[in-house]
């Protein structure tokens, strides 16, 4: 099916657009709040929002009815939401192939269309941002994105976030600690190219979107895989200003993520949030500081004999030696070898490594214990830990 077929936006507006925000929506009740939040921004550029309401071909009548209700609500309000600098285009498809349907496919359809718009108007540095249908945004959402992309000549960026009702709900606060702590622990022990990967909080320029092959169609985790595909190209950063406010609600839309995690926490008889054990990070620190510093395969092989057994076992499962040897064969200089190896060890590699260490050697620990070890302060409260991590994310990175 061709999407956004009856596109309502005129060419004179499109030619001025600098940012296109895409919003996939499925069985959504709060989308109007998201659009109202966007419409109230301080505009210093022209912005377009593409809303793609979707469902699989085998969706229930309830979901189809809700999608149609959502579509009607937006159509009735769209004229009031738009202004000189801000327009909205909406499409709905309740017949997506059920084997492929999901947030990845929906996000891809909208992002592909955004990319094509920028390509047609010859704006390779046009910015595509990804948002979710239950988010709110800061008044400076568009202006902050434009500022950082222009100042640092970015290919892409993770946008800083803070969940709604963060100070009223312990569950979402703990989930944020979990997300932020893992990123900062990895950075602290030497992995520099680690960023938050949240579907509602990233942006990319058109030419990089096209170069990296576009969004994937995974039913969940599409954001994680997509961001980790962009980062190795360089010129990627985290926008320090908090400009996205995701929902803290329980949800079963995807098999993991915020909504699923909150639901699991709320239904637990012992609501304790867990994280990787500190020993996992210790093993990964040895990996970073003992192996990844070498400039050729031979020296890595020698050092390999001295690493702890758990780390050796995990790396063997990931065929790390073969990766190193293959890289050696295709690299001319020592500096290039080190650089390429550092980029090869991306977020996906580290996720698998940490899972091997967890599953075979070090069981998860209570999250707050891990956080206190990270900050080297056993007296910190949950609020203090959260505030410290938020402060770390508000630094330019």
Protein backbone atom coordinates (compact mmCIF):
# COMPACT_ATOMS: atom_id res chain seq x y z
CA UNK A 1 0.00 0.00 0.00
CA UNK A 2 1.19 3.50 -0.81
CA UNK A 3 1.29 5.62 2.34
CA UNK A 4 0.57 9.34 2.79
CA UNK A 5 -1.04 9.11 -0.65
CA UNK A 6 -3.27 12.17 -0.26
CA UNK A 7 -0.48 14.34 1.12
CA UNK A 8 -2.01 17.69 2.16
CA UNK A 9 1.14 19.81 2.59
CA UNK A 10 1.86 22.28 -0.21
CA UNK A 11 5.26 22.57 -1.87
CA UNK A 12 5.87 26.16 -0.76
CA UNK A 13 5.83 24.99 2.87
CA UNK A 14 7.79 21.79 2.22
CA UNK A 15 10.63 23.70 0.61
CA UNK A 16 11.16 25.57 3.91
CA UNK A 17 10.98 22.53 6.21
CA UNK A 18 14.13 21.81 8.23
CA UNK A 19 12.82 19.21 10.68
CA UNK A 20 10.36 16.36 10.14
CA UNK A 21 9.12 14.53 13.23
CA UNK A 22 7.59 11.09 12.75
CA UNK A 23 5.09 9.55 15.17
CA UNK A 24 3.87 5.95 14.84
CA UNK A 25 0.60 5.35 16.69
CA UNK A 26 -1.14 2.10 17.58
CA UNK A 27 -4.26 1.80 19.75
CA UNK A 28 -3.47 5.26 21.10
CA UNK A 29 -5.66 7.47 23.28
CA UNK A 30 -3.29 10.35 24.03
CA UNK A 31 -1.92 11.31 20.62
CA UNK A 32 -3.73 14.65 20.62
CA UNK A 33 -1.78 15.65 23.76
CA UNK A 34 1.48 14.93 21.92
CA UNK A 35 0.48 17.03 18.92
CA UNK A 36 -0.69 19.91 21.12
CA UNK A 37 2.65 19.81 22.93
CA UNK A 38 4.52 20.02 19.62
CA UNK A 39 2.29 22.81 18.32
CA UNK A 40 3.12 24.99 21.35
CA UNK A 41 6.88 24.93 20.74
CA UNK A 42 8.98 28.02 20.16
CA UNK A 43 9.61 27.85 16.43
CA UNK A 44 12.77 29.19 14.81
CA UNK A 45 12.39 26.88 11.81
CA UNK A 46 9.70 25.21 9.75
CA UNK A 47 8.66 21.79 11.06
CA UNK A 48 6.45 19.01 9.77
CA UNK A 49 4.95 16.14 11.75
CA UNK A 50 4.08 12.83 10.06
CA UNK A 51 1.59 10.77 12.06
CA UNK A 52 1.22 7.15 11.02
CA UNK A 53 -1.67 5.36 12.74
CA UNK A 54 -1.31 1.65 12.15
CA UNK A 55 -2.39 -1.86 13.04
CA UNK A 56 -1.76 -5.38 11.73
CA UNK A 57 -4.30 -7.02 9.45
CA UNK A 58 -5.36 -9.36 12.26
CA UNK A 59 -5.96 -6.60 14.83
CA UNK A 60 -9.08 -6.76 17.00
CA UNK A 61 -12.15 -4.62 16.36
CA UNK A 62 -11.37 -2.67 19.53
CA UNK A 63 -7.95 -1.61 18.21
CA UNK A 64 -9.31 -0.72 14.77
CA UNK A 65 -12.08 1.35 16.38
CA UNK A 66 -9.58 3.16 18.59
CA UNK A 67 -7.32 3.91 15.62
CA UNK A 68 -10.26 5.32 13.66
CA UNK A 69 -11.36 7.39 16.66
CA UNK A 70 -7.84 8.75 17.03
CA UNK A 71 -7.68 9.61 13.33
CA UNK A 72 -11.02 11.44 13.50
CA UNK A 73 -9.98 13.43 16.60
CA UNK A 74 -6.84 14.68 14.89
CA UNK A 75 -8.64 15.56 11.67
CA UNK A 76 -11.12 17.63 13.66
CA UNK A 77 -8.37 19.51 15.53
CA UNK A 78 -5.64 19.72 12.91
CA UNK A 79 -6.50 23.22 11.71
CA UNK A 80 -6.24 24.57 15.26
CA UNK A 81 -2.90 22.85 15.89
CA UNK A 82 -1.14 24.12 12.78
CA UNK A 83 0.48 27.50 12.29
CA UNK A 84 2.80 29.29 9.88
CA UNK A 85 5.81 27.22 10.96
CA UNK A 86 4.16 23.93 11.87
CA UNK A 87 2.11 21.47 9.82
CA UNK A 88 0.77 17.95 10.38
CA UNK A 89 0.14 15.15 7.88
CA UNK A 90 -1.65 12.00 8.98
CA UNK A 91 -2.07 8.57 7.44
CA UNK A 92 -3.72 5.38 8.67
CA UNK A 93 -3.21 1.75 7.67
CA UNK A 94 -4.97 -0.96 9.65
CA UNK A 95 -3.91 -3.69 7.23
CA UNK A 96 -0.16 -4.00 7.74
CA UNK A 97 1.12 -7.57 7.15
CA UNK A 98 0.62 -9.19 10.55
CA UNK A 99 3.90 -11.09 10.43
CA UNK A 100 5.86 -7.86 9.97
CA UNK A 101 3.58 -5.31 11.64
CA UNK A 102 4.96 -3.58 14.70
CA UNK A 103 6.67 -0.44 15.85
CA UNK A 104 9.73 -1.04 13.65
CA UNK A 105 7.74 -1.28 10.43
CA UNK A 106 5.56 1.68 11.40
CA UNK A 107 8.56 3.83 12.27
CA UNK A 108 10.28 2.79 9.03
CA UNK A 109 7.29 3.69 6.82
CA UNK A 110 7.11 7.19 8.33
CA UNK A 111 10.88 7.76 8.35
CA UNK A 112 11.24 6.56 4.76
CA UNK A 113 8.59 9.04 3.70
CA UNK A 114 10.33 11.84 5.62
CA UNK A 115 13.63 10.93 3.97
CA UNK A 116 12.02 11.04 0.54
CA UNK A 117 10.62 14.52 1.23
CA UNK A 118 14.06 15.87 2.09
CA UNK A 119 15.55 14.11 -0.90
CA UNK A 120 12.99 15.66 -3.25
CA UNK A 121 13.63 19.18 -1.93
CA UNK A 122 17.40 18.55 -1.99
CA UNK A 123 18.04 18.91 1.74
CA UNK A 124 20.50 16.11 2.64
CA UNK A 125 20.98 17.69 6.07
CA UNK A 126 17.27 17.86 6.76
CA UNK A 127 16.64 16.46 10.24
CA UNK A 128 14.31 13.52 10.90
CA UNK A 129 13.29 13.07 14.53
CA UNK A 130 11.52 10.08 16.04
CA UNK A 131 8.85 10.53 18.69
CA UNK A 132 6.23 8.29 20.29
CA UNK A 133 2.50 8.92 20.43
CA UNK A 134 2.30 9.36 24.20
CA UNK A 135 5.18 11.82 24.65
CA UNK A 136 5.27 15.48 25.54
CA UNK A 137 8.07 17.80 24.49
CA UNK A 138 9.86 20.87 25.78
CA UNK A 139 9.02 24.26 24.27
CA UNK A 140 12.53 24.26 22.77
CA UNK A 141 12.22 20.82 21.18
CA UNK A 142 12.71 21.99 17.60
CA UNK A 143 15.06 24.89 18.34
CA UNK A 144 17.38 22.76 20.51
CA UNK A 145 17.62 20.04 17.88
CA UNK A 146 18.36 22.60 15.17
CA UNK A 147 20.97 24.35 17.34
CA UNK A 148 22.99 21.23 18.20
CA UNK A 149 22.82 19.72 14.71
CA UNK A 150 24.05 22.97 13.17
CA UNK A 151 26.70 23.74 15.80
CA UNK A 152 28.32 20.30 15.76
CA UNK A 153 27.53 19.30 12.16
CA UNK A 154 25.82 16.16 13.45
CA UNK A 155 24.85 13.02 11.59
CA UNK A 156 22.60 11.99 14.43
CA UNK A 157 21.83 12.47 18.11
CA UNK A 158 20.17 10.93 21.14
CA UNK A 159 17.82 13.46 22.73
CA UNK A 160 17.81 13.84 26.49
CA UNK A 161 14.62 12.70 28.20
CA UNK A 162 12.77 12.63 31.51
CA UNK A 163 9.70 10.45 31.98
CA UNK A 164 6.42 12.10 32.89
CA UNK A 165 5.39 12.00 36.56
CA UNK A 166 8.94 11.02 37.46
CA UNK A 167 8.62 12.40 40.99
CA UNK A 168 5.33 10.66 41.72
CA UNK A 169 6.13 7.12 40.59
CA UNK A 170 8.94 5.04 42.11
CA UNK A 171 8.72 2.44 39.34
CA UNK A 172 9.56 4.81 36.50
CA UNK A 173 12.25 6.48 38.58
CA UNK A 174 13.92 3.11 39.13
CA UNK A 175 13.57 2.31 35.43
CA UNK A 176 15.27 5.58 34.54
CA UNK A 177 18.07 4.79 36.98
CA UNK A 178 18.43 1.42 35.26
CA UNK A 179 18.68 3.01 31.80
CA UNK A 180 20.99 5.85 32.74
CA UNK A 181 23.23 3.84 35.07
CA UNK A 182 24.08 1.24 32.44
CA UNK A 183 25.08 3.89 29.89
CA UNK A 184 27.23 5.80 32.35
CA UNK A 185 28.82 2.68 33.82
CA UNK A 186 29.95 1.64 30.33
CA UNK A 187 31.30 5.13 29.62
CA UNK A 188 33.11 5.21 32.96
CA UNK A 189 34.98 1.96 32.29
CA UNK A 190 36.15 3.05 28.86
CA UNK A 191 33.44 2.56 26.25
CA UNK A 192 33.01 6.02 24.77
CA UNK A 193 30.56 5.36 21.94
CA UNK A 194 27.60 4.47 24.12
CA UNK A 195 24.37 6.43 23.93
CA UNK A 196 20.76 6.14 25.03
CA UNK A 197 18.68 4.29 22.44
CA UNK A 198 15.05 5.27 22.98
CA UNK A 199 12.58 5.30 20.09
CA UNK A 200 11.03 8.58 21.17
CA UNK A 201 14.36 10.35 21.60
CA UNK A 202 16.66 10.29 18.62
CA UNK A 203 17.27 12.27 15.41
CA UNK A 204 19.21 11.79 12.18
CA UNK A 205 19.91 13.77 9.02
CA UNK A 206 18.48 12.55 5.72
CA UNK A 207 21.74 11.62 3.99
CA UNK A 208 22.85 9.52 6.98
CA UNK A 209 19.44 7.84 7.16
CA UNK A 210 19.83 6.81 3.54
CA UNK A 211 23.50 5.85 3.94
CA UNK A 212 22.86 3.49 6.85
CA UNK A 213 20.01 1.74 5.06
CA UNK A 214 17.09 3.26 6.93
CA UNK A 215 15.08 2.03 9.88
CA UNK A 216 14.71 -1.71 10.47
CA UNK A 217 11.37 -3.51 10.86
CA UNK A 218 11.92 -5.22 14.20
CA UNK A 219 8.83 -5.56 16.37
CA UNK A 220 10.79 -4.25 19.36
CA UNK A 221 14.29 -2.93 19.95
CA UNK A 222 14.27 -1.20 16.58
CA UNK A 223 15.61 1.95 18.24
CA UNK A 224 18.56 0.13 19.85
CA UNK A 225 19.68 -1.50 16.61
CA UNK A 226 19.14 1.65 14.56
CA UNK A 227 21.11 4.01 16.81
CA UNK A 228 23.98 1.54 17.10
CA UNK A 229 24.08 1.39 13.31
CA UNK A 230 24.45 5.20 13.08
CA UNK A 231 27.02 5.82 15.82
CA UNK A 232 30.05 4.26 14.03
CA UNK A 233 29.78 6.85 11.24
CA UNK A 234 30.79 9.54 13.73
CA UNK A 235 29.42 13.03 14.43
CA UNK A 236 26.90 11.60 16.86
CA UNK A 237 26.16 13.15 20.25
CA UNK A 238 23.69 13.34 23.08
CA UNK A 239 21.72 16.58 23.21
CA UNK A 240 22.12 17.60 26.87
CA UNK A 241 18.94 19.64 27.32
CA UNK A 242 15.93 17.59 28.42
CA UNK A 243 13.46 18.03 25.55
CA UNK A 244 11.44 14.78 25.47
CA UNK A 245 9.06 13.56 28.16
CA UNK A 246 8.03 9.93 27.47
CA UNK A 247 5.00 8.40 29.14
CA UNK A 248 5.45 6.36 32.31
CA UNK A 249 2.39 4.21 31.70
CA UNK A 250 2.15 0.43 31.73
CA UNK A 251 1.84 -1.06 28.24
CA UNK A 252 1.91 -4.37 26.38
CA UNK A 253 2.47 -2.85 22.92
CA UNK A 254 5.96 -4.34 22.61
CA UNK A 255 7.67 -7.32 24.33
CA UNK A 256 10.11 -5.06 26.19
CA UNK A 257 10.73 -1.38 26.86
CA UNK A 258 9.29 1.17 29.27
CA UNK A 259 5.66 0.02 29.32
CA UNK A 260 6.54 -3.65 29.66
CA UNK A 261 9.13 -2.98 32.37
CA UNK A 262 6.71 -0.87 34.43
CA UNK A 263 4.02 -3.52 34.16
CA UNK A 264 6.40 -6.24 35.30
CA UNK A 265 7.56 -4.13 38.25
CA UNK A 266 3.99 -3.30 39.34
CA UNK A 267 2.89 -6.94 39.20
CA UNK A 268 5.87 -8.25 41.16
CA UNK A 269 5.26 -9.45 44.73
CA UNK A 270 8.71 -8.10 45.64
CA UNK A 271 9.10 -4.88 43.61
CA UNK A 272 12.90 -4.67 43.50
CA UNK A 273 14.64 -3.49 40.35
CA UNK A 274 17.76 -5.43 39.35
CA UNK A 275 20.80 -4.55 37.25
CA UNK A 276 23.89 -6.30 35.99
CA UNK A 277 26.22 -7.26 38.82
CA UNK A 278 29.17 -4.97 39.50
CA UNK A 279 31.41 -7.93 38.62
CA UNK A 280 30.03 -7.78 35.05
CA UNK A 281 31.23 -4.20 34.74
CA UNK A 282 34.57 -5.17 36.29
CA UNK A 283 35.05 -7.84 33.60
CA UNK A 284 34.08 -5.38 30.89
CA UNK A 285 36.51 -2.83 32.29
CA UNK A 286 39.32 -5.37 31.92
CA UNK A 287 38.15 -5.95 28.35
CA UNK A 288 38.28 -2.22 27.65
CA UNK A 289 41.55 -1.40 29.40
CA UNK A 290 43.56 -4.59 28.81
CA UNK A 291 42.52 -5.81 25.37
CA UNK A 292 41.06 -2.94 23.36
CA UNK A 293 44.11 -0.71 23.92
CA UNK A 294 46.35 -2.90 21.75
CA UNK A 295 47.21 -2.02 18.18
CA UNK A 296 47.45 -5.47 16.56
CA UNK A 297 46.08 -8.99 16.81
CA UNK A 298 49.31 -10.48 18.09
CA UNK A 299 49.51 -8.29 21.18
CA UNK A 300 45.82 -8.88 21.92
CA UNK A 301 46.43 -12.63 21.69
CA UNK A 302 49.27 -12.40 24.23
CA UNK A 303 47.18 -10.34 26.65
CA UNK A 304 44.27 -12.76 26.19
CA UNK A 305 46.15 -15.34 28.27
CA UNK A 306 46.05 -13.06 31.32
CA UNK A 307 42.35 -12.17 31.44
CA UNK A 308 39.96 -13.75 33.99
CA UNK A 309 38.21 -16.97 33.04
CA UNK A 310 34.66 -15.49 32.95
CA UNK A 311 35.73 -12.81 30.48
CA UNK A 312 37.66 -15.28 28.34
CA UNK A 313 34.67 -17.62 28.21
CA UNK A 314 32.25 -14.83 27.25
CA UNK A 315 34.56 -13.51 24.52
CA UNK A 316 35.08 -17.01 23.16
CA UNK A 317 31.32 -17.40 22.81
CA UNK A 318 31.33 -14.21 20.75
CA UNK A 319 34.25 -15.40 18.60
CA UNK A 320 36.24 -12.30 19.55
CA UNK A 321 39.58 -13.73 18.35
CA UNK A 322 38.20 -14.25 14.85
CA UNK A 323 36.91 -10.69 14.79
CA UNK A 324 40.37 -9.41 15.74
CA UNK A 325 42.19 -11.58 13.22
CA UNK A 326 39.85 -10.60 10.40
CA UNK A 327 40.31 -6.94 11.27
CA UNK A 328 44.09 -7.37 11.27
CA UNK A 329 44.00 -8.80 7.75
CA UNK A 330 41.99 -5.84 6.46
CA UNK A 331 43.85 -3.02 8.23
CA UNK A 332 47.08 -1.38 7.10
CA UNK A 333 48.14 0.71 10.12
CA UNK A 334 48.13 0.32 13.90
CA UNK A 335 46.09 3.48 14.46
CA UNK A 336 43.44 2.35 11.99
CA UNK A 337 43.30 -1.08 13.64
CA UNK A 338 42.68 0.46 17.08
CA UNK A 339 40.05 2.84 15.74
CA UNK A 340 38.17 0.16 13.81
CA UNK A 341 38.24 -2.23 16.75
CA UNK A 342 36.82 0.44 19.05
CA UNK A 343 33.94 1.06 16.63
CA UNK A 344 33.33 -2.67 16.15
CA UNK A 345 32.75 -3.05 19.88
CA UNK A 346 29.39 -1.27 19.73
CA UNK A 347 26.38 -1.29 22.01
CA UNK A 348 25.07 -4.53 20.53
CA UNK A 349 28.39 -6.34 21.09
CA UNK A 350 28.54 -5.10 24.69
CA UNK A 351 24.94 -6.12 25.31
CA UNK A 352 25.67 -9.69 24.24
CA UNK A 353 28.90 -9.73 26.24
CA UNK A 354 27.16 -8.56 29.40
CA UNK A 355 24.44 -11.19 28.91
CA UNK A 356 27.01 -13.99 28.63
CA UNK A 357 28.73 -12.80 31.80
CA UNK A 358 25.40 -12.55 33.61
CA UNK A 359 23.99 -15.88 32.46
CA UNK A 360 27.15 -17.94 33.09
CA UNK A 361 28.86 -16.29 36.06
CA UNK A 362 27.36 -13.24 37.78
CA UNK A 363 23.66 -13.08 38.64
CA UNK A 364 21.92 -9.72 38.67
CA UNK A 365 22.13 -7.51 41.75
CA UNK A 366 19.67 -5.03 43.23
CA UNK A 367 19.86 -1.88 41.12
CA UNK A 368 20.39 0.53 44.00
CA UNK A 369 23.38 -1.47 45.26
CA UNK A 370 25.00 -1.21 41.82
CA UNK A 371 24.29 2.52 41.69
CA UNK A 372 25.87 3.10 45.11
CA UNK A 373 28.98 1.24 43.98
CA UNK A 374 29.09 3.36 40.82
CA UNK A 375 28.96 6.60 42.81
CA UNK A 376 31.08 5.15 45.65
CA UNK A 377 28.56 6.33 48.21
CA UNK A 378 26.53 3.75 50.16
CA UNK A 379 24.31 6.40 51.78
CA UNK A 380 22.64 7.71 48.64
CA UNK A 381 18.84 7.64 48.44
CA UNK A 382 16.90 6.69 45.30
CA UNK A 383 16.13 10.36 44.62
CA UNK A 384 19.77 11.34 45.02
CA UNK A 385 20.92 8.59 42.67
CA UNK A 386 18.37 9.60 40.06
CA UNK A 387 19.28 13.28 40.32
CA UNK A 388 23.00 12.52 39.93
CA UNK A 389 22.40 10.43 36.82
CA UNK A 390 20.12 13.06 35.27
CA UNK A 391 22.84 15.64 35.93
CA UNK A 392 25.41 13.45 34.14
CA UNK A 393 23.12 13.27 31.11
CA UNK A 394 22.81 17.05 31.03
CA UNK A 395 26.48 17.38 30.14
CA UNK A 396 27.40 17.60 26.46
CA UNK A 397 28.55 14.18 25.27
